Amino acid sequence: MKALMALFAVVPATAFAEAAPQPAMGDAFSWVFLLGFAAIFYFMLWRPQAKRQKEHKNLIEGLAKNDEVVTAGGMLGKVTKVTEEFAVIEVADGVQFPVQKVAVTAVLPKGTIKEVKA
């Protein structure tokens, strides 16, 4: 018991006192900081990603026969057939393979395949 009393004698009484209330400016600054962080998150992460998704969706919907495309795997070819889920790509004379339309990453300008082969 004496040890416990000695402990309380060593610890100042202010250690047990309640914390003083923060001034109103501290709360306002916290809200400004939180809103600033949310704005940075929106403009640097969320908005650019949504823009890329929209562009890719438009690219997939606009895919048509004879478009020259690049797939996610890096294959370069010409679209020979388009269905709802898949596109058939010709990578060489007589060599065709189906890919999911979402795997198409870019539509190239006409004549790109001829330039690459030359």
PDB file of N, CA and C in Angstrom:
ATOM      1  N   MET A   1       0.815  -1.184   0.000  1.00  0.00           N
ATOM      2  CA  MET A   1       0.000   0.000   0.000  1.00  0.00           C
ATOM      3  C   MET A   1       0.865   1.257   0.000  1.00  0.00           C
ATOM      4  N   LYS A   2       1.975   1.187   0.755  1.00  0.00           N
ATOM      5  CA  LYS A   2       2.865   2.334   0.803  1.00  0.00           C
ATOM      6  C   LYS A   2       3.481   2.594  -0.575  1.00  0.00           C
ATOM      7  N   ALA A   3       3.745   1.525  -1.314  1.00  0.00           N
ATOM      8  CA  ALA A   3       4.317   1.689  -2.655  1.00  0.00           C
ATOM      9  C   ALA A   3       3.331   2.401  -3.578  1.00  0.00           C
ATOM     10  N   LEU A   4       2.053   2.068  -3.453  1.00  0.00           N
ATOM     11  CA  LEU A   4       1.022   2.708  -4.263  1.00  0.00           C
ATOM     12  C   LEU A   4       0.910   4.181  -3.910  1.00  0.00           C
ATOM     13  N   MET A   5       0.976   4.508  -2.627  1.00  0.00           N
ATOM     14  CA  MET A   5       0.917   5.898  -2.175  1.00  0.00           C
ATOM     15  C   MET A   5       2.145   6.661  -2.682  1.00  0.00           C
ATOM     16  N   ALA A   6       3.292   6.004  -2.696  1.00  0.00           N
ATOM     17  CA  ALA A   6       4.512   6.649  -3.179  1.00  0.00           C
ATOM     18  C   ALA A   6       4.405   6.928  -4.672  1.00  0.00           C
ATOM     19  N   LEU A   7       3.743   6.042  -5.406  1.00  0.00           N
ATOM     20  CA  LEU A   7       3.559   6.242  -6.841  1.00  0.00           C
ATOM     21  C   LEU A   7       2.707   7.472  -7.104  1.00  0.00           C
ATOM     22  N   PHE A   8       1.613   7.615  -6.351  1.00  0.00           N
ATOM     23  CA  PHE A   8       0.749   8.784  -6.522  1.00  0.00           C
ATOM     24  C   PHE A   8       1.433  10.062  -6.080  1.00  0.00           C
ATOM     25  N   ALA A   9       2.349   9.966  -5.157  1.00  0.00           N
ATOM     26  CA  ALA A   9       3.083  11.144  -4.700  1.00  0.00           C
ATOM     27  C   ALA A   9       4.058  11.612  -5.785  1.00  0.00           C
ATOM     28  N   VAL A  10       4.576  10.683  -6.590  1.00  0.00           N
ATOM     29  CA  VAL A  10       5.544  11.029  -7.623  1.00  0.00           C
ATOM     30  C   VAL A  10       4.851  11.596  -8.873  1.00  0.00           C
ATOM     31  N   VAL A  11       3.672  11.055  -9.214  1.00  0.00           N
ATOM     32  CA  VAL A  11       2.956  11.490 -10.410  1.00  0.00           C
ATOM     33  C   VAL A  11       2.268  12.814 -10.116  1.00  0.00           C
ATOM     34  N   PRO A  12       2.488  13.833 -10.928  1.00  0.00           N
ATOM     35  CA  PRO A  12       1.854  15.126 -10.660  1.00  0.00           C
ATOM     36  C   PRO A  12       0.332  15.037 -10.825  1.00  0.00           C
ATOM     37  N   ALA A  13      -0.352  15.885 -10.132  1.00  0.00           N
ATOM     38  CA  ALA A  13      -1.815  15.883 -10.159  1.00  0.00           C
ATOM     39  C   ALA A  13      -2.343  16.288 -11.533  1.00  0.00           C
ATOM     40  N   THR A  14      -1.586  17.048 -12.286  1.00  0.00           N
ATOM     41  CA  THR A  14      -2.037  17.487 -13.613  1.00  0.00           C
ATOM     42  C   THR A  14      -2.126  16.326 -14.597  1.00  0.00           C
ATOM     43  N   ALA A  15      -1.466  15.213 -14.321  1.00  0.00           N
ATOM     44  CA  ALA A  15      -1.522  14.053 -15.210  1.00  0.00           C
ATOM     45  C   ALA A  15      -2.900  13.431 -15.209  1.00  0.00           C
ATOM     46  N   PHE A  16      -3.645  13.618 -14.108  1.00  0.00           N
ATOM     47  CA  PHE A  16      -4.978  13.048 -13.999  1.00  0.00           C
ATOM     48  C   PHE A  16      -6.072  14.047 -14.372  1.00  0.00           C
ATOM     49  N   ALA A  17      -5.705  15.268 -14.630  1.00  0.00           N
ATOM     50  CA  ALA A  17      -6.685  16.304 -14.964  1.00  0.00           C
ATOM     51  C   ALA A  17      -7.218  16.076 -16.375  1.00  0.00           C
ATOM     52  N   GLU A  18      -8.426  16.551 -16.614  1.00  0.00           N
ATOM     53  CA  GLU A  18      -9.013  16.424 -17.951  1.00  0.00           C
ATOM     54  C   GLU A  18      -8.285  17.346 -18.916  1.00  0.00           C
ATOM     55  N   ALA A  19      -8.264  16.934 -20.181  1.00  0.00           N
ATOM     56  CA  ALA A  19      -7.612  17.750 -21.200  1.00  0.00           C
ATOM     57  C   ALA A  19      -8.446  18.996 -21.444  1.00  0.00           C
ATOM     58  N   ALA A  20      -7.775  20.080 -21.691  1.00  0.00           N
ATOM     59  CA  ALA A  20      -8.471  21.338 -21.964  1.00  0.00           C
ATOM     60  C   ALA A  20      -9.185  21.226 -23.307  1.00  0.00           C
ATOM     61  N   PRO A  21     -10.378  21.801 -23.438  1.00  0.00           N
ATOM     62  CA  PRO A  21     -11.093  21.718 -24.718  1.00  0.00           C
ATOM     63  C   PRO A  21     -10.343  22.463 -25.804  1.00  0.00           C
ATOM     64  N   GLN A  22     -10.410  21.914 -27.014  1.00  0.00           N
ATOM     65  CA  GLN A  22      -9.730  22.544 -28.142  1.00  0.00           C
ATOM     66  C   GLN A  22     -10.491  23.787 -28.572  1.00  0.00           C
ATOM     67  N   PRO A  23      -9.792  24.768 -29.046  1.00  0.00           N
ATOM     68  CA  PRO A  23     -10.495  25.945 -29.553  1.00  0.00           C
ATOM     69  C   PRO A  23     -11.260  25.592 -30.836  1.00  0.00           C
ATOM     70  N   ALA A  24     -12.250  26.380 -31.175  1.00  0.00           N
ATOM     71  CA  ALA A  24     -13.098  26.120 -32.348  1.00  0.00           C
ATOM     72  C   ALA A  24     -12.285  26.115 -33.638  1.00  0.00           C
ATOM     73  N   MET A  25     -11.221  26.855 -33.708  1.00  0.00           N
ATOM     74  CA  MET A  25     -10.394  26.905 -34.918  1.00  0.00           C
ATOM     75  C   MET A  25      -9.795  25.542 -35.231  1.00  0.00           C
ATOM     76  N   GLY A  26      -9.475  24.759 -34.237  1.00  0.00           N
ATOM     77  CA  GLY A  26      -8.923  23.424 -34.460  1.00  0.00           C
ATOM     78  C   GLY A  26      -9.911  22.524 -35.171  1.00  0.00           C
ATOM     79  N   ASP A  27     -11.184  22.617 -34.821  1.00  0.00           N
ATOM     80  CA  ASP A  27     -12.211  21.818 -35.479  1.00  0.00           C
ATOM     81  C   ASP A  27     -12.384  22.253 -36.934  1.00  0.00           C
ATOM     82  N   ALA A  28     -12.391  23.552 -37.166  1.00  0.00           N
ATOM     83  CA  ALA A  28     -12.548  24.067 -38.528  1.00  0.00           C
ATOM     84  C   ALA A  28     -11.366  23.637 -39.385  1.00  0.00           C
ATOM     85  N   PHE A  29     -10.171  23.701 -38.849  1.00  0.00           N
ATOM     86  CA  PHE A  29      -8.994  23.285 -39.604  1.00  0.00           C
ATOM     87  C   PHE A  29      -9.059  21.799 -39.933  1.00  0.00           C
ATOM     88  N   SER A  30      -9.564  20.996 -39.003  1.00  0.00           N
ATOM     89  CA  SER A  30      -9.700  19.557 -39.266  1.00  0.00           C
ATOM     90  C   SER A  30     -10.640  19.307 -40.429  1.00  0.00           C
ATOM     91  N   TRP A  31     -11.754  20.030 -40.484  1.00  0.00           N
ATOM     92  CA  TRP A  31     -12.701  19.864 -41.597  1.00  0.00           C
ATOM     93  C   TRP A  31     -12.098  20.320 -42.916  1.00  0.00           C
ATOM     94  N   VAL A  32     -11.379  21.436 -42.896  1.00  0.00           N
ATOM     95  CA  VAL A  32     -10.730  21.930 -44.120  1.00  0.00           C
ATOM     96  C   VAL A  32      -9.701  20.912 -44.600  1.00  0.00           C
ATOM     97  N   PHE A  33      -8.940  20.375 -43.683  1.00  0.00           N
ATOM     98  CA  PHE A  33      -7.937  19.370 -44.028  1.00  0.00           C
ATOM     99  C   PHE A  33      -8.595  18.132 -44.626  1.00  0.00           C
ATOM    100  N   LEU A  34      -9.698  17.669 -44.026  1.00  0.00           N
ATOM    101  CA  LEU A  34     -10.414  16.495 -44.517  1.00  0.00           C
ATOM    102  C   LEU A  34     -10.994  16.745 -45.915  1.00  0.00           C
ATOM    103  N   LEU A  35     -11.603  17.903 -46.120  1.00  0.00           N
ATOM    104  CA  LEU A  35     -12.160  18.234 -47.435  1.00  0.00           C
ATOM    105  C   LEU A  35     -11.055  18.380 -48.481  1.00  0.00           C
ATOM    106  N   GLY A  36      -9.935  18.946 -48.096  1.00  0.00           N
ATOM    107  CA  GLY A  36      -8.804  19.060 -49.026  1.00  0.00           C
ATOM    108  C   GLY A  36      -8.282  17.694 -49.431  1.00  0.00           C
ATOM    109  N   PHE A  37      -8.201  16.800 -48.482  1.00  0.00           N
ATOM    110  CA  PHE A  37      -7.744  15.440 -48.778  1.00  0.00           C
ATOM    111  C   PHE A  37      -8.725  14.738 -49.718  1.00  0.00           C
ATOM    112  N   ALA A  38     -10.038  14.923 -49.474  1.00  0.00           N
ATOM    113  CA  ALA A  38     -11.050  14.314 -50.342  1.00  0.00           C
ATOM    114  C   ALA A  38     -10.954  14.883 -51.765  1.00  0.00           C
ATOM    115  N   ALA A  39     -10.711  16.174 -51.896  1.00  0.00           N
ATOM    116  CA  ALA A  39     -10.584  16.790 -53.223  1.00  0.00           C
ATOM    117  C   ALA A  39      -9.363  16.242 -53.960  1.00  0.00           C
ATOM    118  N   ILE A  40      -8.256  16.100 -53.265  1.00  0.00           N
ATOM    119  CA  ILE A  40      -7.057  15.539 -53.880  1.00  0.00           C
ATOM    120  C   ILE A  40      -7.318  14.104 -54.322  1.00  0.00           C
ATOM    121  N   PHE A  41      -7.970  13.321 -53.479  1.00  0.00           N
ATOM    122  CA  PHE A  41      -8.310  11.940 -53.820  1.00  0.00           C
ATOM    123  C   PHE A  41      -9.171  11.896 -55.080  1.00  0.00           C
ATOM    124  N   TYR A  42     -10.174  12.777 -55.150  1.00  0.00           N
ATOM    125  CA  TYR A  42     -11.083  12.790 -56.302  1.00  0.00           C
ATOM    126  C   TYR A  42     -10.352  13.167 -57.591  1.00  0.00           C
ATOM    127  N   PHE A  43      -9.597  14.268 -57.555  1.00  0.00           N
ATOM    128  CA  PHE A  43      -8.977  14.767 -58.785  1.00  0.00           C
ATOM    129  C   PHE A  43      -7.748  13.978 -59.217  1.00  0.00           C
ATOM    130  N   MET A  44      -7.073  13.294 -58.321  1.00  0.00           N
ATOM    131  CA  MET A  44      -5.859  12.574 -58.709  1.00  0.00           C
ATOM    132  C   MET A  44      -6.064  11.078 -58.887  1.00  0.00           C
ATOM    133  N   LEU A  45      -7.101  10.505 -58.295  1.00  0.00           N
ATOM    134  CA  LEU A  45      -7.299   9.062 -58.398  1.00  0.00           C
ATOM    135  C   LEU A  45      -8.616   8.683 -59.063  1.00  0.00           C
ATOM    136  N   TRP A  46      -9.702   9.144 -58.512  1.00  0.00           N
ATOM    137  CA  TRP A  46     -11.012   8.676 -58.935  1.00  0.00           C
ATOM    138  C   TRP A  46     -11.378   9.185 -60.325  1.00  0.00           C
ATOM    139  N   ARG A  47     -11.256  10.461 -60.575  1.00  0.00           N
ATOM    140  CA  ARG A  47     -11.659  11.051 -61.854  1.00  0.00           C
ATOM    141  C   ARG A  47     -10.847  10.526 -63.036  1.00  0.00           C
ATOM    142  N   PRO A  48      -9.509  10.476 -62.964  1.00  0.00           N
ATOM    143  CA  PRO A  48      -8.754   9.931 -64.101  1.00  0.00           C
ATOM    144  C   PRO A  48      -9.087   8.465 -64.391  1.00  0.00           C
ATOM    145  N   GLN A  49      -9.304   7.664 -63.343  1.00  0.00           N
ATOM    146  CA  GLN A  49      -9.635   6.256 -63.549  1.00  0.00           C
ATOM    147  C   GLN A  49     -10.995   6.122 -64.225  1.00  0.00           C
ATOM    148  N   ALA A  50     -11.960   6.920 -63.802  1.00  0.00           N
ATOM    149  CA  ALA A  50     -13.288   6.880 -64.421  1.00  0.00           C
ATOM    150  C   ALA A  50     -13.211   7.307 -65.885  1.00  0.00           C
ATOM    151  N   LYS A  51     -12.366   8.267 -66.181  1.00  0.00           N
ATOM    152  CA  LYS A  51     -12.190   8.730 -67.568  1.00  0.00           C
ATOM    153  C   LYS A  51     -11.592   7.619 -68.432  1.00  0.00           C
ATOM    154  N   ARG A  52     -10.574   6.923 -67.913  1.00  0.00           N
ATOM    155  CA  ARG A  52      -9.969   5.820 -68.667  1.00  0.00           C
ATOM    156  C   ARG A  52     -10.975   4.699 -68.900  1.00  0.00           C
ATOM    157  N   GLN A  53     -11.782   4.388 -67.889  1.00  0.00           N
ATOM    158  CA  GLN A  53     -12.782   3.337 -68.042  1.00  0.00           C
ATOM    159  C   GLN A  53     -13.806   3.712 -69.115  1.00  0.00           C
ATOM    160  N   LYS A  54     -14.215   4.959 -69.130  1.00  0.00           N
ATOM    161  CA  LYS A  54     -15.189   5.417 -70.118  1.00  0.00           C
ATOM    162  C   LYS A  54     -14.602   5.344 -71.529  1.00  0.00           C
ATOM    163  N   GLU A  55     -13.350   5.770 -71.695  1.00  0.00           N
ATOM    164  CA  GLU A  55     -12.690   5.700 -73.001  1.00  0.00           C
ATOM    165  C   GLU A  55     -12.563   4.251 -73.476  1.00  0.00           C
ATOM    166  N   HIS A  56     -12.202   3.333 -72.580  1.00  0.00           N
ATOM    167  CA  HIS A  56     -12.045   1.926 -72.956  1.00  0.00           C
ATOM    168  C   HIS A  56     -13.395   1.311 -73.325  1.00  0.00           C
ATOM    169  N   LYS A  57     -14.429   1.684 -72.600  1.00  0.00           N
ATOM    170  CA  LYS A  57     -15.767   1.184 -72.907  1.00  0.00           C
ATOM    171  C   LYS A  57     -16.203   1.658 -74.295  1.00  0.00           C
ATOM    172  N   ASN A  58     -15.948   2.922 -74.616  1.00  0.00           N
ATOM    173  CA  ASN A  58     -16.282   3.449 -75.948  1.00  0.00           C
ATOM    174  C   ASN A  58     -15.462   2.752 -77.033  1.00  0.00           C
ATOM    175  N   LEU A  59     -14.194   2.449 -76.738  1.00  0.00           N
ATOM    176  CA  LEU A  59     -13.343   1.744 -77.693  1.00  0.00           C
ATOM    177  C   LEU A  59     -13.904   0.354 -77.986  1.00  0.00           C
ATOM    178  N   ILE A  60     -14.318  -0.354 -76.961  1.00  0.00           N
ATOM    179  CA  ILE A  60     -14.855  -1.710 -77.129  1.00  0.00           C
ATOM    180  C   ILE A  60     -16.176  -1.688 -77.887  1.00  0.00           C
ATOM    181  N   GLU A  61     -17.039  -0.727 -77.552  1.00  0.00           N
ATOM    182  CA  GLU A  61     -18.335  -0.639 -78.229  1.00  0.00           C
ATOM    183  C   GLU A  61     -18.180  -0.260 -79.698  1.00  0.00           C
ATOM    184  N   GLY A  62     -17.144   0.498 -80.038  1.00  0.00           N
ATOM    185  CA  GLY A  62     -16.930   0.935 -81.407  1.00  0.00           C
ATOM    186  C   GLY A  62     -16.083  -0.008 -82.235  1.00  0.00           C
ATOM    187  N   LEU A  63     -15.719  -1.156 -81.698  1.00  0.00           N
ATOM    188  CA  LEU A  63     -14.888  -2.124 -82.411  1.00  0.00           C
ATOM    189  C   LEU A  63     -15.637  -2.670 -83.618  1.00  0.00           C
ATOM    190  N   ALA A  64     -14.994  -2.636 -84.783  1.00  0.00           N
ATOM    191  CA  ALA A  64     -15.650  -3.073 -86.016  1.00  0.00           C
ATOM    192  C   ALA A  64     -14.689  -3.908 -86.854  1.00  0.00           C
ATOM    193  N   LYS A  65     -15.255  -4.578 -87.858  1.00  0.00           N
ATOM    194  CA  LYS A  65     -14.464  -5.407 -88.755  1.00  0.00           C
ATOM    195  C   LYS A  65     -13.455  -4.515 -89.490  1.00  0.00           C
ATOM    196  N   ASN A  66     -12.255  -5.072 -89.719  1.00  0.00           N
ATOM    197  CA  ASN A  66     -11.122  -4.422 -90.401  1.00  0.00           C
ATOM    198  C   ASN A  66     -10.405  -3.368 -89.561  1.00  0.00           C
ATOM    199  N   ASP A  67     -10.750  -3.228 -88.283  1.00  0.00           N
ATOM    200  CA  ASP A  67      -9.978  -2.356 -87.404  1.00  0.00           C
ATOM    201  C   ASP A  67      -8.654  -3.042 -87.075  1.00  0.00           C
ATOM    202  N   GLU A  68      -7.597  -2.272 -87.018  1.00  0.00           N
ATOM    203  CA  GLU A  68      -6.298  -2.792 -86.602  1.00  0.00           C
ATOM    204  C   GLU A  68      -6.146  -2.499 -85.117  1.00  0.00           C
ATOM    205  N   VAL A  69      -5.873  -3.557 -84.334  1.00  0.00           N
ATOM    206  CA  VAL A  69      -5.895  -3.433 -82.879  1.00  0.00           C
ATOM    207  C   VAL A  69      -4.651  -4.034 -82.229  1.00  0.00           C
ATOM    208  N   VAL A  70      -4.455  -3.658 -80.975  1.00  0.00           N
ATOM    209  CA  VAL A  70      -3.432  -4.258 -80.112  1.00  0.00           C
ATOM    210  C   VAL A  70      -4.165  -4.830 -78.906  1.00  0.00           C
ATOM    211  N   THR A  71      -3.808  -6.071 -78.527  1.00  0.00           N
ATOM    212  CA  THR A  71      -4.428  -6.692 -77.358  1.00  0.00           C
ATOM    213  C   THR A  71      -3.592  -6.421 -76.111  1.00  0.00           C
ATOM    214  N   ALA A  72      -4.133  -6.797 -74.965  1.00  0.00           N
ATOM    215  CA  ALA A  72      -3.416  -6.616 -73.699  1.00  0.00           C
ATOM    216  C   ALA A  72      -2.131  -7.432 -73.675  1.00  0.00           C
ATOM    217  N   GLY A  73      -2.081  -8.524 -74.432  1.00  0.00           N
ATOM    218  CA  GLY A  73      -0.878  -9.350 -74.504  1.00  0.00           C
ATOM    219  C   GLY A  73       0.146  -8.842 -75.491  1.00  0.00           C
ATOM    220  N   GLY A  74      -0.179  -7.765 -76.215  1.00  0.00           N
ATOM    221  CA  GLY A  74       0.754  -7.177 -77.167  1.00  0.00           C
ATOM    222  C   GLY A  74       0.608  -7.695 -78.585  1.00  0.00           C
ATOM    223  N   MET A  75      -0.406  -8.508 -78.842  1.00  0.00           N
ATOM    224  CA  MET A  75      -0.619  -9.033 -80.195  1.00  0.00           C
ATOM    225  C   MET A  75      -1.220  -7.944 -81.077  1.00  0.00           C
ATOM    226  N   LEU A  76      -0.684  -7.823 -82.281  1.00  0.00           N
ATOM    227  CA  LEU A  76      -1.128  -6.837 -83.252  1.00  0.00           C
ATOM    228  C   LEU A  76      -1.856  -7.572 -84.359  1.00  0.00           C
ATOM    229  N   GLY A  77      -3.051  -7.129 -84.700  1.00  0.00           N
ATOM    230  CA  GLY A  77      -3.793  -7.816 -85.752  1.00  0.00           C
ATOM    231  C   GLY A  77      -4.980  -7.021 -86.244  1.00  0.00           C
ATOM    232  N   LYS A  78      -5.675  -7.620 -87.219  1.00  0.00           N
ATOM    233  CA  LYS A  78      -6.842  -6.997 -87.829  1.00  0.00           C
ATOM    234  C   LYS A  78      -8.083  -7.776 -87.404  1.00  0.00           C
ATOM    235  N   VAL A  79      -9.122  -7.061 -87.005  1.00  0.00           N
ATOM    236  CA  VAL A  79     -10.366  -7.681 -86.575  1.00  0.00           C
ATOM    237  C   VAL A  79     -11.096  -8.213 -87.802  1.00  0.00           C
ATOM    238  N   THR A  80     -11.465  -9.506 -87.771  1.00  0.00           N
ATOM    239  CA  THR A  80     -12.193 -10.103 -88.881  1.00  0.00           C
ATOM    240  C   THR A  80     -13.654 -10.378 -88.545  1.00  0.00           C
ATOM    241  N   LYS A  81     -13.953 -10.488 -87.253  1.00  0.00           N
ATOM    242  CA  LYS A  81     -15.323 -10.753 -86.837  1.00  0.00           C
ATOM    243  C   LYS A  81     -15.512 -10.219 -85.422  1.00  0.00           C
ATOM    244  N   VAL A  82     -16.688  -9.629 -85.171  1.00  0.00           N
ATOM    245  CA  VAL A  82     -16.991  -9.093 -83.847  1.00  0.00           C
ATOM    246  C   VAL A  82     -18.327  -9.663 -83.386  1.00  0.00           C
ATOM    247  N   THR A  83     -18.320 -10.243 -82.186  1.00  0.00           N
ATOM    248  CA  THR A  83     -19.564 -10.701 -81.563  1.00  0.00           C
ATOM    249  C   THR A  83     -19.788  -9.869 -80.304  1.00  0.00           C
ATOM    250  N   GLU A  84     -20.782 -10.256 -79.526  1.00  0.00           N
ATOM    251  CA  GLU A  84     -21.107  -9.485 -78.326  1.00  0.00           C
ATOM    252  C   GLU A  84     -19.972  -9.510 -77.302  1.00  0.00           C
ATOM    253  N   GLU A  85     -19.330 -10.661 -77.123  1.00  0.00           N
ATOM    254  CA  GLU A  85     -18.284 -10.817 -76.104  1.00  0.00           C
ATOM    255  C   GLU A  85     -16.870 -10.930 -76.686  1.00  0.00           C
ATOM    256  N   PHE A  86     -16.758 -11.430 -77.928  1.00  0.00           N
ATOM    257  CA  PHE A  86     -15.451 -11.742 -78.494  1.00  0.00           C
ATOM    258  C   PHE A  86     -15.217 -11.024 -79.816  1.00  0.00           C
ATOM    259  N   ALA A  87     -13.935 -10.932 -80.169  1.00  0.00           N
ATOM    260  CA  ALA A  87     -13.517 -10.444 -81.479  1.00  0.00           C
ATOM    261  C   ALA A  87     -12.509 -11.450 -82.016  1.00  0.00           C
ATOM    262  N   VAL A  88     -12.612 -11.755 -83.302  1.00  0.00           N
ATOM    263  CA  VAL A  88     -11.647 -12.660 -83.932  1.00  0.00           C
ATOM    264  C   VAL A  88     -10.607 -11.781 -84.611  1.00  0.00           C
ATOM    265  N   ILE A  89      -9.342 -12.036 -84.287  1.00  0.00           N
ATOM    266  CA  ILE A  89      -8.244 -11.211 -84.797  1.00  0.00           C
ATOM    267  C   ILE A  89      -7.354 -12.052 -85.690  1.00  0.00           C
ATOM    268  N   GLU A  90      -7.012 -11.496 -86.846  1.00  0.00           N
ATOM    269  CA  GLU A  90      -6.086 -12.158 -87.773  1.00  0.00           C
ATOM    270  C   GLU A  90      -4.714 -11.525 -87.581  1.00  0.00           C
ATOM    271  N   VAL A  91      -3.748 -12.349 -87.137  1.00  0.00           N
ATOM    272  CA  VAL A  91      -2.411 -11.844 -86.857  1.00  0.00           C
ATOM    273  C   VAL A  91      -1.440 -12.099 -88.004  1.00  0.00           C
ATOM    274  N   ALA A  92      -1.767 -13.036 -88.867  1.00  0.00           N
ATOM    275  CA  ALA A  92      -0.979 -13.339 -90.056  1.00  0.00           C
ATOM    276  C   ALA A  92      -1.942 -13.934 -91.083  1.00  0.00           C
ATOM    277  N   ASP A  93      -1.472 -14.140 -92.293  1.00  0.00           N
ATOM    278  CA  ASP A  93      -2.342 -14.713 -93.312  1.00  0.00           C
ATOM    279  C   ASP A  93      -2.804 -16.094 -92.877  1.00  0.00           C
ATOM    280  N   GLY A  94      -4.113 -16.237 -92.682  1.00  0.00           N
ATOM    281  CA  GLY A  94      -4.686 -17.514 -92.296  1.00  0.00           C
ATOM    282  C   GLY A  94      -4.580 -17.857 -90.826  1.00  0.00           C
ATOM    283  N   VAL A  95      -3.999 -16.995 -90.013  1.00  0.00           N
ATOM    284  CA  VAL A  95      -3.870 -17.254 -88.574  1.00  0.00           C
ATOM    285  C   VAL A  95      -4.818 -16.313 -87.833  1.00  0.00           C
ATOM    286  N   GLN A  96      -5.880 -16.905 -87.292  1.00  0.00           N
ATOM    287  CA  GLN A  96      -6.880 -16.120 -86.570  1.00  0.00           C
ATOM    288  C   GLN A  96      -7.081 -16.718 -85.181  1.00  0.00           C
ATOM    289  N   PHE A  97      -7.401 -15.863 -84.232  1.00  0.00           N
ATOM    290  CA  PHE A  97      -7.738 -16.363 -82.902  1.00  0.00           C
ATOM    291  C   PHE A  97      -8.745 -15.416 -82.248  1.00  0.00           C
ATOM    292  N   PRO A  98      -9.629 -15.997 -81.436  1.00  0.00           N
ATOM    293  CA  PRO A  98     -10.604 -15.157 -80.740  1.00  0.00           C
ATOM    294  C   PRO A  98     -10.027 -14.594 -79.439  1.00  0.00           C
ATOM    295  N   VAL A  99     -10.404 -13.380 -79.133  1.00  0.00           N
ATOM    296  CA  VAL A  99     -10.043 -12.752 -77.860  1.00  0.00           C
ATOM    297  C   VAL A  99     -11.283 -12.083 -77.286  1.00  0.00           C
ATOM    298  N   GLN A 100     -11.305 -11.940 -75.991  1.00  0.00           N
ATOM    299  CA  GLN A 100     -12.376 -11.168 -75.384  1.00  0.00           C
ATOM    300  C   GLN A 100     -12.203  -9.705 -75.791  1.00  0.00           C
ATOM    301  N   LYS A 101     -13.312  -9.041 -76.011  1.00  0.00           N
ATOM    302  CA  LYS A 101     -13.235  -7.653 -76.455  1.00  0.00           C
ATOM    303  C   LYS A 101     -12.557  -6.754 -75.419  1.00  0.00           C
ATOM    304  N   VAL A 102     -12.669  -7.100 -74.143  1.00  0.00           N
ATOM    305  CA  VAL A 102     -12.038  -6.279 -73.105  1.00  0.00           C
ATOM    306  C   VAL A 102     -10.512  -6.376 -73.157  1.00  0.00           C
ATOM    307  N   ALA A 103      -9.980  -7.387 -73.861  1.00  0.00           N
ATOM    308  CA  ALA A 103      -8.528  -7.538 -73.976  1.00  0.00           C
ATOM    309  C   ALA A 103      -7.942  -6.613 -75.030  1.00  0.00           C
ATOM    310  N   VAL A 104      -8.783  -5.979 -75.820  1.00  0.00           N
ATOM    311  CA  VAL A 104      -8.299  -5.030 -76.827  1.00  0.00           C
ATOM    312  C   VAL A 104      -7.973  -3.728 -76.105  1.00  0.00           C
ATOM    313  N   THR A 105      -6.718  -3.284 -76.220  1.00  0.00           N
ATOM    314  CA  THR A 105      -6.302  -2.084 -75.499  1.00  0.00           C
ATOM    315  C   THR A 105      -6.264  -0.845 -76.371  1.00  0.00           C
ATOM    316  N   ALA A 106      -6.109  -1.006 -77.688  1.00  0.00           N
ATOM    317  CA  ALA A 106      -6.040   0.170 -78.555  1.00  0.00           C
ATOM    318  C   ALA A 106      -6.437  -0.195 -79.976  1.00  0.00           C
ATOM    319  N   VAL A 107      -7.075   0.765 -80.629  1.00  0.00           N
ATOM    320  CA  VAL A 107      -7.362   0.659 -82.060  1.00  0.00           C
ATOM    321  C   VAL A 107      -6.334   1.536 -82.752  1.00  0.00           C
ATOM    322  N   LEU A 108      -5.615   0.951 -83.702  1.00  0.00           N
ATOM    323  CA  LEU A 108      -4.533   1.652 -84.383  1.00  0.00           C
ATOM    324  C   LEU A 108      -5.021   2.289 -85.680  1.00  0.00           C
ATOM    325  N   PRO A 109      -4.296   3.279 -86.185  1.00  0.00           N
ATOM    326  CA  PRO A 109      -4.651   3.860 -87.478  1.00  0.00           C
ATOM    327  C   PRO A 109      -4.484   2.828 -88.600  1.00  0.00           C
ATOM    328  N   LYS A 110      -5.279   2.975 -89.647  1.00  0.00           N
ATOM    329  CA  LYS A 110      -5.206   2.049 -90.789  1.00  0.00           C
ATOM    330  C   LYS A 110      -3.795   2.081 -91.387  1.00  0.00           C
ATOM    331  N   GLY A 111      -3.289   0.910 -91.749  1.00  0.00           N
ATOM    332  CA  GLY A 111      -1.970   0.804 -92.354  1.00  0.00           C
ATOM    333  C   GLY A 111      -0.844   0.580 -91.373  1.00  0.00           C
ATOM    334  N   THR A 112      -1.121   0.528 -90.120  1.00  0.00           N
ATOM    335  CA  THR A 112      -0.071   0.335 -89.116  1.00  0.00           C
ATOM    336  C   THR A 112       0.561  -1.044 -89.249  1.00  0.00           C
ATOM    337  N   ILE A 113      -0.258  -2.056 -89.522  1.00  0.00           N
ATOM    338  CA  ILE A 113       0.280  -3.416 -89.657  1.00  0.00           C
ATOM    339  C   ILE A 113       1.251  -3.508 -90.832  1.00  0.00           C
ATOM    340  N   LYS A 114       0.940  -2.867 -91.936  1.00  0.00           N
ATOM    341  CA  LYS A 114       1.849  -2.873 -93.095  1.00  0.00           C
ATOM    342  C   LYS A 114       3.177  -2.189 -92.759  1.00  0.00           C
ATOM    343  N   GLU A 115       3.112  -1.096 -91.995  1.00  0.00           N
ATOM    344  CA  GLU A 115       4.340  -0.399 -91.599  1.00  0.00           C
ATOM    345  C   GLU A 115       5.205  -1.255 -90.696  1.00  0.00           C
ATOM    346  N   VAL A 116       4.583  -2.012 -89.809  1.00  0.00           N
ATOM    347  CA  VAL A 116       5.327  -2.845 -88.859  1.00  0.00           C
ATOM    348  C   VAL A 116       5.980  -4.012 -89.578  1.00  0.00           C
ATOM    349  N   LYS A 117       5.274  -4.611 -90.558  1.00  0.00           N
ATOM    350  CA  LYS A 117       5.813  -5.747 -91.288  1.00  0.00           C
ATOM    351  C   LYS A 117       6.943  -5.336 -92.221  1.00  0.00           C
ATOM    352  N   ALA A 118       6.958  -4.130 -92.679  1.00  0.00           N
ATOM    353  CA  ALA A 118       7.976  -3.682 -93.641  1.00  0.00           C
ATOM    354  C   ALA A 118       9.313  -3.439 -93.023  1.00  0.00           C
TER     355      ALA A 118
END
